[in-house]
């Protein structure tokens, strides 16, 4: 029982990981629903040198959040649809932000299904 309590405490202390997908250019180009959408990573950068893992985040057990920003190009075989930015946060703060409607639980590098859904909604 003590082992289980210890494991649960570590998970609670380190927090969770969430991400938010935001279009950084106009994605309103009309596309055929059957057309395949390609999502290509353009790169990542960090705010406050805290991406992907920082010593401060690890030492504080998630009290100091880690924030990463990824950029993706969205296109079809015939045209470029635009750019999307995915912001990823990990730590305690995301535990409280996760219920907000624009945030998703998980890793931003794996946001392709959400990006495709966003393009089809436009």
PDB file of N, CA and C in Angstrom:
ATOM      1  N   UNK A   1       0.812  -1.197   0.000  1.00  0.00           N
ATOM      2  CA  UNK A   1       0.000   0.000   0.000  1.00  0.00           C
ATOM      3  C   UNK A   1       0.859   1.267   0.000  1.00  0.00           C
ATOM      4  N   UNK A   2       1.970   1.226   0.744  1.00  0.00           N
ATOM      5  CA  UNK A   2       2.861   2.376   0.806  1.00  0.00           C
ATOM      6  C   UNK A   2       3.502   2.661  -0.553  1.00  0.00           C
ATOM      7  N   UNK A   3       3.826   1.588  -1.299  1.00  0.00           N
ATOM      8  CA  UNK A   3       4.398   1.774  -2.637  1.00  0.00           C
ATOM      9  C   UNK A   3       3.401   2.481  -3.552  1.00  0.00           C
ATOM     10  N   UNK A   4       2.165   2.053  -3.499  1.00  0.00           N
ATOM     11  CA  UNK A   4       1.131   2.654  -4.334  1.00  0.00           C
ATOM     12  C   UNK A   4       0.941   4.129  -3.992  1.00  0.00           C
ATOM     13  N   UNK A   5       0.935   4.447  -2.718  1.00  0.00           N
ATOM     14  CA  UNK A   5       0.811   5.833  -2.276  1.00  0.00           C
ATOM     15  C   UNK A   5       2.005   6.663  -2.745  1.00  0.00           C
ATOM     16  N   UNK A   6       3.186   6.091  -2.674  1.00  0.00           N
ATOM     17  CA  UNK A   6       4.397   6.790  -3.132  1.00  0.00           C
ATOM     18  C   UNK A   6       4.335   7.069  -4.629  1.00  0.00           C
ATOM     19  N   UNK A   7       3.934   6.095  -5.401  1.00  0.00           N
ATOM     20  CA  UNK A   7       3.841   6.260  -6.858  1.00  0.00           C
ATOM     21  C   UNK A   7       2.811   7.322  -7.213  1.00  0.00           C
ATOM     22  N   UNK A   8       1.652   7.284  -6.567  1.00  0.00           N
ATOM     23  CA  UNK A   8       0.615   8.286  -6.825  1.00  0.00           C
ATOM     24  C   UNK A   8       1.087   9.685  -6.442  1.00  0.00           C
ATOM     25  N   UNK A   9       1.835   9.810  -5.354  1.00  0.00           N
ATOM     26  CA  UNK A   9       2.341  11.129  -4.955  1.00  0.00           C
ATOM     27  C   UNK A   9       3.323  11.682  -5.976  1.00  0.00           C
ATOM     28  N   UNK A  10       4.187  10.831  -6.506  1.00  0.00           N
ATOM     29  CA  UNK A  10       5.145  11.293  -7.518  1.00  0.00           C
ATOM     30  C   UNK A  10       4.406  11.769  -8.758  1.00  0.00           C
ATOM     31  N   UNK A  11       3.398  11.036  -9.206  1.00  0.00           N
ATOM     32  CA  UNK A  11       2.622  11.462 -10.374  1.00  0.00           C
ATOM     33  C   UNK A  11       1.924  12.793 -10.121  1.00  0.00           C
ATOM     34  N   UNK A  12       1.370  12.971  -8.945  1.00  0.00           N
ATOM     35  CA  UNK A  12       0.700  14.234  -8.620  1.00  0.00           C
ATOM     36  C   UNK A  12       1.697  15.373  -8.535  1.00  0.00           C
ATOM     37  N   UNK A  13       2.876  15.106  -8.004  1.00  0.00           N
ATOM     38  CA  UNK A  13       3.885  16.152  -7.865  1.00  0.00           C
ATOM     39  C   UNK A  13       4.431  16.626  -9.208  1.00  0.00           C
ATOM     40  N   UNK A  14       4.583  15.731 -10.145  1.00  0.00           N
ATOM     41  CA  UNK A  14       5.193  16.123 -11.412  1.00  0.00           C
ATOM     42  C   UNK A  14       4.190  16.711 -12.387  1.00  0.00           C
ATOM     43  N   UNK A  15       2.904  16.624 -12.126  1.00  0.00           N
ATOM     44  CA  UNK A  15       1.904  17.286 -12.948  1.00  0.00           C
ATOM     45  C   UNK A  15       1.542  16.524 -14.195  1.00  0.00           C
ATOM     46  N   UNK A  16       1.183  17.275 -15.243  1.00  0.00           N
ATOM     47  CA  UNK A  16       0.772  16.657 -16.489  1.00  0.00           C
ATOM     48  C   UNK A  16       1.272  17.494 -17.669  1.00  0.00           C
ATOM     49  N   UNK A  17       1.001  17.025 -18.867  1.00  0.00           N
ATOM     50  CA  UNK A  17       1.398  17.727 -20.081  1.00  0.00           C
ATOM     51  C   UNK A  17       0.155  18.037 -20.901  1.00  0.00           C
ATOM     52  N   UNK A  18       0.039  19.298 -21.341  1.00  0.00           N
ATOM     53  CA  UNK A  18      -1.088  19.722 -22.159  1.00  0.00           C
ATOM     54  C   UNK A  18      -0.569  20.494 -23.370  1.00  0.00           C
ATOM     55  N   UNK A  19      -1.419  20.614 -24.387  1.00  0.00           N
ATOM     56  CA  UNK A  19      -1.027  21.410 -25.554  1.00  0.00           C
ATOM     57  C   UNK A  19      -2.236  22.136 -26.127  1.00  0.00           C
ATOM     58  N   UNK A  20      -1.938  23.234 -26.838  1.00  0.00           N
ATOM     59  CA  UNK A  20      -2.965  24.054 -27.470  1.00  0.00           C
ATOM     60  C   UNK A  20      -2.550  24.294 -28.917  1.00  0.00           C
ATOM     61  N   UNK A  21      -3.486  24.133 -29.851  1.00  0.00           N
ATOM     62  CA  UNK A  21      -3.229  24.315 -31.277  1.00  0.00           C
ATOM     63  C   UNK A  21      -3.834  25.644 -31.708  1.00  0.00           C
ATOM     64  N   UNK A  22      -2.999  26.512 -32.305  1.00  0.00           N
ATOM     65  CA  UNK A  22      -3.454  27.824 -32.774  1.00  0.00           C
ATOM     66  C   UNK A  22      -2.997  28.053 -34.205  1.00  0.00           C
ATOM     67  N   UNK A  23      -3.899  28.427 -35.101  1.00  0.00           N
ATOM     68  CA  UNK A  23      -3.459  28.782 -36.454  1.00  0.00           C
ATOM     69  C   UNK A  23      -2.698  30.107 -36.425  1.00  0.00           C
ATOM     70  N   UNK A  24      -1.560  30.163 -37.105  1.00  0.00           N
ATOM     71  CA  UNK A  24      -0.778  31.389 -37.173  1.00  0.00           C
ATOM     72  C   UNK A  24      -0.914  32.062 -38.532  1.00  0.00           C
ATOM     73  N   UNK A  25      -1.674  31.460 -39.403  1.00  0.00           N
ATOM     74  CA  UNK A  25      -2.004  32.072 -40.688  1.00  0.00           C
ATOM     75  C   UNK A  25      -3.411  31.628 -41.055  1.00  0.00           C
ATOM     76  N   UNK A  26      -3.958  32.218 -42.083  1.00  0.00           N
ATOM     77  CA  UNK A  26      -5.334  31.932 -42.478  1.00  0.00           C
ATOM     78  C   UNK A  26      -5.425  30.521 -43.057  1.00  0.00           C
ATOM     79  N   UNK A  27      -6.223  29.669 -42.446  1.00  0.00           N
ATOM     80  CA  UNK A  27      -6.399  28.291 -42.920  1.00  0.00           C
ATOM     81  C   UNK A  27      -7.718  28.123 -43.665  1.00  0.00           C
ATOM     82  N   UNK A  28      -8.273  29.213 -44.166  1.00  0.00           N
ATOM     83  CA  UNK A  28      -9.605  29.151 -44.758  1.00  0.00           C
ATOM     84  C   UNK A  28      -9.607  28.767 -46.233  1.00  0.00           C
ATOM     85  N   UNK A  29      -8.464  28.350 -46.770  1.00  0.00           N
ATOM     86  CA  UNK A  29      -8.461  27.879 -48.160  1.00  0.00           C
ATOM     87  C   UNK A  29      -9.429  26.721 -48.290  1.00  0.00           C
ATOM     88  N   UNK A  30     -10.243  26.749 -49.344  1.00  0.00           N
ATOM     89  CA  UNK A  30     -11.214  25.664 -49.505  1.00  0.00           C
ATOM     90  C   UNK A  30     -10.500  24.412 -50.002  1.00  0.00           C
ATOM     91  N   UNK A  31     -10.775  23.318 -49.336  1.00  0.00           N
ATOM     92  CA  UNK A  31     -10.189  22.041 -49.741  1.00  0.00           C
ATOM     93  C   UNK A  31     -11.298  21.015 -49.836  1.00  0.00           C
ATOM     94  N   UNK A  32     -11.028  20.036 -50.657  1.00  0.00           N
ATOM     95  CA  UNK A  32     -11.953  18.914 -50.796  1.00  0.00           C
ATOM     96  C   UNK A  32     -11.774  18.018 -49.568  1.00  0.00           C
ATOM     97  N   UNK A  33     -12.857  17.584 -48.973  1.00  0.00           N
ATOM     98  CA  UNK A  33     -12.791  16.758 -47.758  1.00  0.00           C
ATOM     99  C   UNK A  33     -12.034  15.452 -47.976  1.00  0.00           C
ATOM    100  N   UNK A  34     -12.000  14.972 -49.220  1.00  0.00           N
ATOM    101  CA  UNK A  34     -11.300  13.715 -49.500  1.00  0.00           C
ATOM    102  C   UNK A  34      -9.804  13.935 -49.736  1.00  0.00           C
ATOM    103  N   UNK A  35      -9.384  15.181 -49.877  1.00  0.00           N
ATOM    104  CA  UNK A  35      -7.980  15.480 -50.130  1.00  0.00           C
ATOM    105  C   UNK A  35      -7.155  15.235 -48.864  1.00  0.00           C
ATOM    106  N   UNK A  36      -5.998  14.623 -49.037  1.00  0.00           N
ATOM    107  CA  UNK A  36      -5.153  14.299 -47.895  1.00  0.00           C
ATOM    108  C   UNK A  36      -4.430  15.548 -47.406  1.00  0.00           C
ATOM    109  N   UNK A  37      -4.386  15.713 -46.081  1.00  0.00           N
ATOM    110  CA  UNK A  37      -3.709  16.856 -45.461  1.00  0.00           C
ATOM    111  C   UNK A  37      -2.373  16.382 -44.916  1.00  0.00           C
ATOM    112  N   UNK A  38      -1.313  17.150 -45.240  1.00  0.00           N
ATOM    113  CA  UNK A  38       0.028  16.845 -44.759  1.00  0.00           C
ATOM    114  C   UNK A  38       0.406  17.858 -43.687  1.00  0.00           C
ATOM    115  N   UNK A  39       0.915  17.365 -42.558  1.00  0.00           N
ATOM    116  CA  UNK A  39       1.354  18.218 -41.457  1.00  0.00           C
ATOM    117  C   UNK A  39       2.855  17.981 -41.283  1.00  0.00           C
ATOM    118  N   UNK A  40       3.643  19.050 -41.506  1.00  0.00           N
ATOM    119  CA  UNK A  40       5.095  18.940 -41.466  1.00  0.00           C
ATOM    120  C   UNK A  40       5.654  19.840 -40.375  1.00  0.00           C
ATOM    121  N   UNK A  41       6.509  19.297 -39.528  1.00  0.00           N
ATOM    122  CA  UNK A  41       7.116  20.079 -38.457  1.00  0.00           C
ATOM    123  C   UNK A  41       8.134  21.048 -39.044  1.00  0.00           C
ATOM    124  N   UNK A  42       8.018  22.321 -38.667  1.00  0.00           N
ATOM    125  CA  UNK A  42       8.942  23.351 -39.136  1.00  0.00           C
ATOM    126  C   UNK A  42      10.054  23.556 -38.116  1.00  0.00           C
ATOM    127  N   UNK A  43       9.761  23.345 -36.862  1.00  0.00           N
ATOM    128  CA  UNK A  43      10.767  23.510 -35.815  1.00  0.00           C
ATOM    129  C   UNK A  43      10.124  23.784 -34.478  1.00  0.00           C
ATOM    130  N   UNK A  44      10.977  23.937 -33.483  1.00  0.00           N
ATOM    131  CA  UNK A  44      10.489  24.225 -32.150  1.00  0.00           C
ATOM    132  C   UNK A  44      11.382  25.284 -31.540  1.00  0.00           C
ATOM    133  N   UNK A  45      10.818  26.039 -30.641  1.00  0.00           N
ATOM    134  CA  UNK A  45      11.613  26.950 -29.845  1.00  0.00           C
ATOM    135  C   UNK A  45      11.016  27.021 -28.449  1.00  0.00           C
ATOM    136  N   UNK A  46      11.757  27.602 -27.560  1.00  0.00           N
ATOM    137  CA  UNK A  46      11.368  27.584 -26.161  1.00  0.00           C
ATOM    138  C   UNK A  46      11.190  28.998 -25.645  1.00  0.00           C
ATOM    139  N   UNK A  47      10.320  29.132 -24.677  1.00  0.00           N
ATOM    140  CA  UNK A  47      10.242  30.374 -23.926  1.00  0.00           C
ATOM    141  C   UNK A  47      11.044  30.152 -22.653  1.00  0.00           C
ATOM    142  N   UNK A  48      11.968  31.028 -22.360  1.00  0.00           N
ATOM    143  CA  UNK A  48      12.799  30.976 -21.147  1.00  0.00           C
ATOM    144  C   UNK A  48      13.697  29.745 -21.103  1.00  0.00           C
ATOM    145  N   UNK A  49      14.136  29.242 -22.248  1.00  0.00           N
ATOM    146  CA  UNK A  49      15.043  28.095 -22.309  1.00  0.00           C
ATOM    147  C   UNK A  49      14.543  26.914 -21.489  1.00  0.00           C
ATOM    148  N   UNK A  50      13.263  26.628 -21.563  1.00  0.00           N
ATOM    149  CA  UNK A  50      12.687  25.565 -20.747  1.00  0.00           C
ATOM    150  C   UNK A  50      12.109  24.450 -21.604  1.00  0.00           C
ATOM    151  N   UNK A  51      12.691  24.193 -22.739  1.00  0.00           N
ATOM    152  CA  UNK A  51      12.162  23.169 -23.630  1.00  0.00           C
ATOM    153  C   UNK A  51      13.294  22.275 -24.089  1.00  0.00           C
ATOM    154  N   UNK A  52      13.135  21.012 -24.240  1.00  0.00           N
ATOM    155  CA  UNK A  52      12.017  20.206 -23.809  1.00  0.00           C
ATOM    156  C   UNK A  52      12.061  19.910 -22.313  1.00  0.00           C
ATOM    157  N   UNK A  53      13.254  19.711 -21.751  1.00  0.00           N
ATOM    158  CA  UNK A  53      13.351  19.498 -20.308  1.00  0.00           C
ATOM    159  C   UNK A  53      14.432  20.408 -19.764  1.00  0.00           C
ATOM    160  N   UNK A  54      14.155  21.005 -18.645  1.00  0.00           N
ATOM    161  CA  UNK A  54      15.143  21.883 -18.036  1.00  0.00           C
ATOM    162  C   UNK A  54      15.502  21.383 -16.651  1.00  0.00           C
ATOM    163  N   UNK A  55      16.638  21.809 -16.198  1.00  0.00           N
ATOM    164  CA  UNK A  55      17.047  21.422 -14.848  1.00  0.00           C
ATOM    165  C   UNK A  55      16.082  21.976 -13.809  1.00  0.00           C
ATOM    166  N   UNK A  56      15.629  23.233 -14.047  1.00  0.00           N
ATOM    167  CA  UNK A  56      14.711  23.846 -13.081  1.00  0.00           C
ATOM    168  C   UNK A  56      13.419  23.036 -12.957  1.00  0.00           C
ATOM    169  N   UNK A  57      12.903  22.581 -14.091  1.00  0.00           N
ATOM    170  CA  UNK A  57      11.665  21.782 -14.077  1.00  0.00           C
ATOM    171  C   UNK A  57      11.885  20.479 -13.313  1.00  0.00           C
ATOM    172  N   UNK A  58      12.984  19.800 -13.610  1.00  0.00           N
ATOM    173  CA  UNK A  58      13.248  18.513 -12.963  1.00  0.00           C
ATOM    174  C   UNK A  58      13.528  18.657 -11.467  1.00  0.00           C
ATOM    175  N   UNK A  59      14.308  19.656 -11.100  1.00  0.00           N
ATOM    176  CA  UNK A  59      14.642  19.845  -9.690  1.00  0.00           C
ATOM    177  C   UNK A  59      13.412  20.247  -8.886  1.00  0.00           C
ATOM    178  N   UNK A  60      12.544  21.072  -9.474  1.00  0.00           N
ATOM    179  CA  UNK A  60      11.360  21.537  -8.751  1.00  0.00           C
ATOM    180  C   UNK A  60      10.203  20.541  -8.801  1.00  0.00           C
ATOM    181  N   UNK A  61      10.405  19.390  -9.435  1.00  0.00           N
ATOM    182  CA  UNK A  61       9.364  18.364  -9.585  1.00  0.00           C
ATOM    183  C   UNK A  61       8.095  18.924 -10.231  1.00  0.00           C
ATOM    184  N   UNK A  62       8.267  19.815 -11.189  1.00  0.00           N
ATOM    185  CA  UNK A  62       7.140  20.329 -11.948  1.00  0.00           C
ATOM    186  C   UNK A  62       6.556  21.634 -11.439  1.00  0.00           C
ATOM    187  N   UNK A  63       7.071  22.170 -10.339  1.00  0.00           N
ATOM    188  CA  UNK A  63       6.558  23.451  -9.847  1.00  0.00           C
ATOM    189  C   UNK A  63       6.870  24.575 -10.834  1.00  0.00           C
ATOM    190  N   UNK A  64       8.045  24.537 -11.437  1.00  0.00           N
ATOM    191  CA  UNK A  64       8.394  25.495 -12.482  1.00  0.00           C
ATOM    192  C   UNK A  64       8.013  24.829 -13.804  1.00  0.00           C
ATOM    193  N   UNK A  65       7.003  25.352 -14.501  1.00  0.00           N
ATOM    194  CA  UNK A  65       6.528  24.671 -15.713  1.00  0.00           C
ATOM    195  C   UNK A  65       7.515  24.768 -16.868  1.00  0.00           C
ATOM    196  N   UNK A  66       7.428  23.804 -17.737  1.00  0.00           N
ATOM    197  CA  UNK A  66       8.212  23.775 -18.973  1.00  0.00           C
ATOM    198  C   UNK A  66       7.270  24.122 -20.118  1.00  0.00           C
ATOM    199  N   UNK A  67       7.672  25.065 -20.969  1.00  0.00           N
ATOM    200  CA  UNK A  67       6.816  25.467 -22.085  1.00  0.00           C
ATOM    201  C   UNK A  67       7.608  25.382 -23.384  1.00  0.00           C
ATOM    202  N   UNK A  68       7.041  24.680 -24.373  1.00  0.00           N
ATOM    203  CA  UNK A  68       7.646  24.534 -25.689  1.00  0.00           C
ATOM    204  C   UNK A  68       6.654  24.997 -26.747  1.00  0.00           C
ATOM    205  N   UNK A  69       7.179  25.522 -27.828  1.00  0.00           N
ATOM    206  CA  UNK A  69       6.333  25.948 -28.935  1.00  0.00           C
ATOM    207  C   UNK A  69       6.827  25.264 -30.196  1.00  0.00           C
ATOM    208  N   UNK A  70       5.918  24.575 -30.876  1.00  0.00           N
ATOM    209  CA  UNK A  70       6.228  23.876 -32.115  1.00  0.00           C
ATOM    210  C   UNK A  70       5.466  24.545 -33.250  1.00  0.00           C
ATOM    211  N   UNK A  71       6.083  24.605 -34.411  1.00  0.00           N
ATOM    212  CA  UNK A  71       5.403  25.149 -35.589  1.00  0.00           C
ATOM    213  C   UNK A  71       5.266  24.042 -36.639  1.00  0.00           C
ATOM    214  N   UNK A  72       4.092  24.012 -37.271  1.00  0.00           N
ATOM    215  CA  UNK A  72       3.806  23.018 -38.301  1.00  0.00           C
ATOM    216  C   UNK A  72       3.283  23.714 -39.548  1.00  0.00           C
ATOM    217  N   UNK A  73       3.721  23.254 -40.708  1.00  0.00           N
ATOM    218  CA  UNK A  73       3.173  23.692 -41.997  1.00  0.00           C
ATOM    219  C   UNK A  73       2.077  22.707 -42.368  1.00  0.00           C
ATOM    220  N   UNK A  74       0.936  23.230 -42.784  1.00  0.00           N
ATOM    221  CA  UNK A  74      -0.195  22.398 -43.183  1.00  0.00           C
ATOM    222  C   UNK A  74      -0.400  22.582 -44.676  1.00  0.00           C
ATOM    223  N   UNK A  75      -0.469  21.466 -45.404  1.00  0.00           N
ATOM    224  CA  UNK A  75      -0.620  21.551 -46.856  1.00  0.00           C
ATOM    225  C   UNK A  75      -1.359  20.330 -47.393  1.00  0.00           C
ATOM    226  N   UNK A  76      -1.755  20.448 -48.638  1.00  0.00           N
ATOM    227  CA  UNK A  76      -2.280  19.298 -49.381  1.00  0.00           C
ATOM    228  C   UNK A  76      -1.271  19.021 -50.476  1.00  0.00           C
ATOM    229  N   UNK A  77      -1.553  18.061 -51.316  1.00  0.00           N
ATOM    230  CA  UNK A  77      -0.606  17.760 -52.394  1.00  0.00           C
ATOM    231  C   UNK A  77      -0.522  18.897 -53.408  1.00  0.00           C
ATOM    232  N   UNK A  78      -1.553  19.749 -53.477  1.00  0.00           N
ATOM    233  CA  UNK A  78      -1.577  20.807 -54.491  1.00  0.00           C
ATOM    234  C   UNK A  78      -1.299  22.213 -53.959  1.00  0.00           C
ATOM    235  N   UNK A  79      -1.510  22.456 -52.628  1.00  0.00           N
ATOM    236  CA  UNK A  79      -1.288  23.822 -52.142  1.00  0.00           C
ATOM    237  C   UNK A  79      -0.943  23.854 -50.659  1.00  0.00           C
ATOM    238  N   UNK A  80      -0.303  24.969 -50.265  1.00  0.00           N
ATOM    239  CA  UNK A  80       0.035  25.211 -48.872  1.00  0.00           C
ATOM    240  C   UNK A  80      -1.167  25.871 -48.199  1.00  0.00           C
ATOM    241  N   UNK A  81      -1.610  25.324 -47.072  1.00  0.00           N
ATOM    242  CA  UNK A  81      -2.789  25.851 -46.384  1.00  0.00           C
ATOM    243  C   UNK A  81      -2.445  26.863 -45.298  1.00  0.00           C
ATOM    244  N   UNK A  82      -1.252  26.791 -44.716  1.00  0.00           N
ATOM    245  CA  UNK A  82      -0.868  27.752 -43.685  1.00  0.00           C
ATOM    246  C   UNK A  82       0.013  27.149 -42.613  1.00  0.00           C
ATOM    247  N   UNK A  83       0.197  27.917 -41.559  1.00  0.00           N
ATOM    248  CA  UNK A  83       1.063  27.538 -40.445  1.00  0.00           C
ATOM    249  C   UNK A  83       0.240  27.428 -39.168  1.00  0.00           C
ATOM    250  N   UNK A  84       0.595  26.454 -38.354  1.00  0.00           N
ATOM    251  CA  UNK A  84      -0.076  26.227 -37.075  1.00  0.00           C
ATOM    252  C   UNK A  84       0.989  26.202 -35.987  1.00  0.00           C
ATOM    253  N   UNK A  85       0.669  26.811 -34.853  1.00  0.00           N
ATOM    254  CA  UNK A  85       1.567  26.803 -33.698  1.00  0.00           C
ATOM    255  C   UNK A  85       0.962  25.932 -32.616  1.00  0.00           C
ATOM    256  N   UNK A  86       1.772  25.059 -32.036  1.00  0.00           N
ATOM    257  CA  UNK A  86       1.330  24.190 -30.951  1.00  0.00           C
ATOM    258  C   UNK A  86       2.160  24.526 -29.716  1.00  0.00           C
ATOM    259  N   UNK A  87       1.487  24.981 -28.665  1.00  0.00           N
ATOM    260  CA  UNK A  87       2.139  25.325 -27.407  1.00  0.00           C
ATOM    261  C   UNK A  87       1.949  24.174 -26.437  1.00  0.00           C
ATOM    262  N   UNK A  88       3.054  23.675 -25.890  1.00  0.00           N
ATOM    263  CA  UNK A  88       3.021  22.560 -24.950  1.00  0.00           C
ATOM    264  C   UNK A  88       3.501  23.044 -23.586  1.00  0.00           C
ATOM    265  N   UNK A  89       2.787  22.658 -22.548  1.00  0.00           N
ATOM    266  CA  UNK A  89       3.201  22.983 -21.178  1.00  0.00           C
ATOM    267  C   UNK A  89       3.187  21.716 -20.340  1.00  0.00           C
ATOM    268  N   UNK A  90       4.171  21.625 -19.461  1.00  0.00           N
ATOM    269  CA  UNK A  90       4.228  20.507 -18.541  1.00  0.00           C
ATOM    270  C   UNK A  90       4.521  20.998 -17.144  1.00  0.00           C
ATOM    271  N   UNK A  91       3.931  20.348 -16.163  1.00  0.00           N
ATOM    272  CA  UNK A  91       4.142  20.723 -14.769  1.00  0.00           C
ATOM    273  C   UNK A  91       2.840  20.785 -13.991  1.00  0.00           C
ATOM    274  N   UNK A  92       2.862  21.516 -12.889  1.00  0.00           N
ATOM    275  CA  UNK A  92       1.681  21.639 -12.033  1.00  0.00           C
ATOM    276  C   UNK A  92       0.635  22.552 -12.634  1.00  0.00           C
ATOM    277  N   UNK A  93       1.058  23.668 -13.199  1.00  0.00           N
ATOM    278  CA  UNK A  93       0.115  24.627 -13.774  1.00  0.00           C
ATOM    279  C   UNK A  93      -0.823  23.981 -14.792  1.00  0.00           C
ATOM    280  N   UNK A  94      -0.333  23.102 -15.670  1.00  0.00           N
ATOM    281  CA  UNK A  94      -1.237  22.436 -16.602  1.00  0.00           C
ATOM    282  C   UNK A  94      -2.320  21.578 -15.954  1.00  0.00           C
ATOM    283  N   UNK A  95      -2.097  21.126 -14.718  1.00  0.00           N
ATOM    284  CA  UNK A  95      -3.152  20.376 -14.031  1.00  0.00           C
ATOM    285  C   UNK A  95      -4.423  21.210 -13.912  1.00  0.00           C
ATOM    286  N   UNK A  96      -4.247  22.519 -13.721  1.00  0.00           N
ATOM    287  CA  UNK A  96      -5.393  23.412 -13.572  1.00  0.00           C
ATOM    288  C   UNK A  96      -5.885  23.958 -14.907  1.00  0.00           C
ATOM    289  N   UNK A  97      -5.021  23.952 -15.932  1.00  0.00           N
ATOM    290  CA  UNK A  97      -5.396  24.464 -17.252  1.00  0.00           C
ATOM    291  C   UNK A  97      -6.031  23.398 -18.139  1.00  0.00           C
ATOM    292  N   UNK A  98      -5.814  22.138 -17.837  1.00  0.00           N
ATOM    293  CA  UNK A  98      -6.303  21.037 -18.676  1.00  0.00           C
ATOM    294  C   UNK A  98      -7.806  21.069 -18.938  1.00  0.00           C
ATOM    295  N   UNK A  99      -8.652  21.458 -17.985  1.00  0.00           N
ATOM    296  CA  UNK A  99     -10.098  21.480 -18.274  1.00  0.00           C
ATOM    297  C   UNK A  99     -10.537  22.595 -19.221  1.00  0.00           C
ATOM    298  N   UNK A 100      -9.683  23.576 -19.483  1.00  0.00           N
ATOM    299  CA  UNK A 100     -10.066  24.669 -20.383  1.00  0.00           C
ATOM    300  C   UNK A 100     -10.285  24.139 -21.796  1.00  0.00           C
ATOM    301  N   UNK A 101     -11.264  24.692 -22.535  1.00  0.00           N
ATOM    302  CA  UNK A 101     -11.654  24.120 -23.823  1.00  0.00           C
ATOM    303  C   UNK A 101     -10.576  24.130 -24.913  1.00  0.00           C
ATOM    304  N   UNK A 102      -9.647  25.066 -24.890  1.00  0.00           N
ATOM    305  CA  UNK A 102      -8.664  25.119 -25.975  1.00  0.00           C
ATOM    306  C   UNK A 102      -7.454  24.218 -25.734  1.00  0.00           C
ATOM    307  N   UNK A 103      -7.345  23.641 -24.549  1.00  0.00           N
ATOM    308  CA  UNK A 103      -6.196  22.799 -24.221  1.00  0.00           C
ATOM    309  C   UNK A 103      -6.562  21.319 -24.326  1.00  0.00           C
ATOM    310  N   UNK A 104      -5.566  20.505 -24.723  1.00  0.00           N
ATOM    311  CA  UNK A 104      -5.719  19.056 -24.844  1.00  0.00           C
ATOM    312  C   UNK A 104      -4.642  18.389 -23.992  1.00  0.00           C
ATOM    313  N   UNK A 105      -4.965  17.287 -23.361  1.00  0.00           N
ATOM    314  CA  UNK A 105      -3.984  16.544 -22.582  1.00  0.00           C
ATOM    315  C   UNK A 105      -3.155  15.704 -23.542  1.00  0.00           C
ATOM    316  N   UNK A 106      -1.840  15.775 -23.406  1.00  0.00           N
ATOM    317  CA  UNK A 106      -0.940  15.013 -24.267  1.00  0.00           C
ATOM    318  C   UNK A 106       0.245  15.858 -24.696  1.00  0.00           C
ATOM    319  N   UNK A 107       0.995  15.328 -25.637  1.00  0.00           N
ATOM    320  CA  UNK A 107       2.211  15.979 -26.107  1.00  0.00           C
ATOM    321  C   UNK A 107       1.960  16.701 -27.416  1.00  0.00           C
ATOM    322  N   UNK A 108       2.472  17.917 -27.537  1.00  0.00           N
ATOM    323  CA  UNK A 108       2.279  18.741 -28.726  1.00  0.00           C
ATOM    324  C   UNK A 108       2.883  18.182 -29.984  1.00  0.00           C
ATOM    325  N   UNK A 109       3.921  17.370 -29.847  1.00  0.00           N
ATOM    326  CA  UNK A 109       4.539  16.775 -31.034  1.00  0.00           C
ATOM    327  C   UNK A 109       3.583  15.814 -31.713  1.00  0.00           C
ATOM    328  N   UNK A 110       2.584  15.356 -30.989  1.00  0.00           N
ATOM    329  CA  UNK A 110       1.613  14.387 -31.516  1.00  0.00           C
ATOM    330  C   UNK A 110       0.256  15.032 -31.768  1.00  0.00           C
ATOM    331  N   UNK A 111       0.258  16.295 -32.164  1.00  0.00           N
ATOM    332  CA  UNK A 111      -0.978  17.051 -32.327  1.00  0.00           C
ATOM    333  C   UNK A 111      -1.575  16.959 -33.726  1.00  0.00           C
ATOM    334  N   UNK A 112      -1.032  16.125 -34.588  1.00  0.00           N
ATOM    335  CA  UNK A 112      -1.504  16.055 -35.984  1.00  0.00           C
ATOM    336  C   UNK A 112      -3.009  15.799 -36.118  1.00  0.00           C
ATOM    337  N   UNK A 113      -3.615  14.883 -35.370  1.00  0.00           N
ATOM    338  CA  UNK A 113      -5.066  14.691 -35.520  1.00  0.00           C
ATOM    339  C   UNK A 113      -5.870  15.959 -35.185  1.00  0.00           C
ATOM    340  N   UNK A 114      -5.441  16.690 -34.167  1.00  0.00           N
ATOM    341  CA  UNK A 114      -6.139  17.926 -33.801  1.00  0.00           C
ATOM    342  C   UNK A 114      -5.943  18.985 -34.879  1.00  0.00           C
ATOM    343  N   UNK A 115      -4.754  19.048 -35.469  1.00  0.00           N
ATOM    344  CA  UNK A 115      -4.480  20.006 -36.554  1.00  0.00           C
ATOM    345  C   UNK A 115      -5.351  19.682 -37.763  1.00  0.00           C
ATOM    346  N   UNK A 116      -5.442  18.413 -38.117  1.00  0.00           N
ATOM    347  CA  UNK A 116      -6.292  18.020 -39.255  1.00  0.00           C
ATOM    348  C   UNK A 116      -7.761  18.368 -39.006  1.00  0.00           C
ATOM    349  N   UNK A 117      -8.199  18.123 -37.784  1.00  0.00           N
ATOM    350  CA  UNK A 117      -9.580  18.466 -37.421  1.00  0.00           C
ATOM    351  C   UNK A 117      -9.816  19.977 -37.517  1.00  0.00           C
ATOM    352  N   UNK A 118      -8.827  20.768 -37.092  1.00  0.00           N
ATOM    353  CA  UNK A 118      -8.922  22.222 -37.179  1.00  0.00           C
ATOM    354  C   UNK A 118      -9.029  22.686 -38.626  1.00  0.00           C
ATOM    355  N   UNK A 119      -8.274  22.075 -39.520  1.00  0.00           N
ATOM    356  CA  UNK A 119      -8.319  22.454 -40.943  1.00  0.00           C
ATOM    357  C   UNK A 119      -9.676  22.126 -41.527  1.00  0.00           C
ATOM    358  N   UNK A 120     -10.239  20.987 -41.176  1.00  0.00           N
ATOM    359  CA  UNK A 120     -11.543  20.595 -41.726  1.00  0.00           C
ATOM    360  C   UNK A 120     -12.680  21.463 -41.180  1.00  0.00           C
ATOM    361  N   UNK A 121     -12.503  22.038 -39.970  1.00  0.00           N
ATOM    362  CA  UNK A 121     -13.529  22.917 -39.407  1.00  0.00           C
ATOM    363  C   UNK A 121     -13.559  24.277 -40.103  1.00  0.00           C
ATOM    364  N   UNK A 122     -12.419  24.698 -40.616  1.00  0.00           N
ATOM    365  CA  UNK A 122     -12.317  26.044 -41.231  1.00  0.00           C
ATOM    366  C   UNK A 122     -13.161  26.178 -42.459  1.00  0.00           C
TER     367      UNK A 122
END
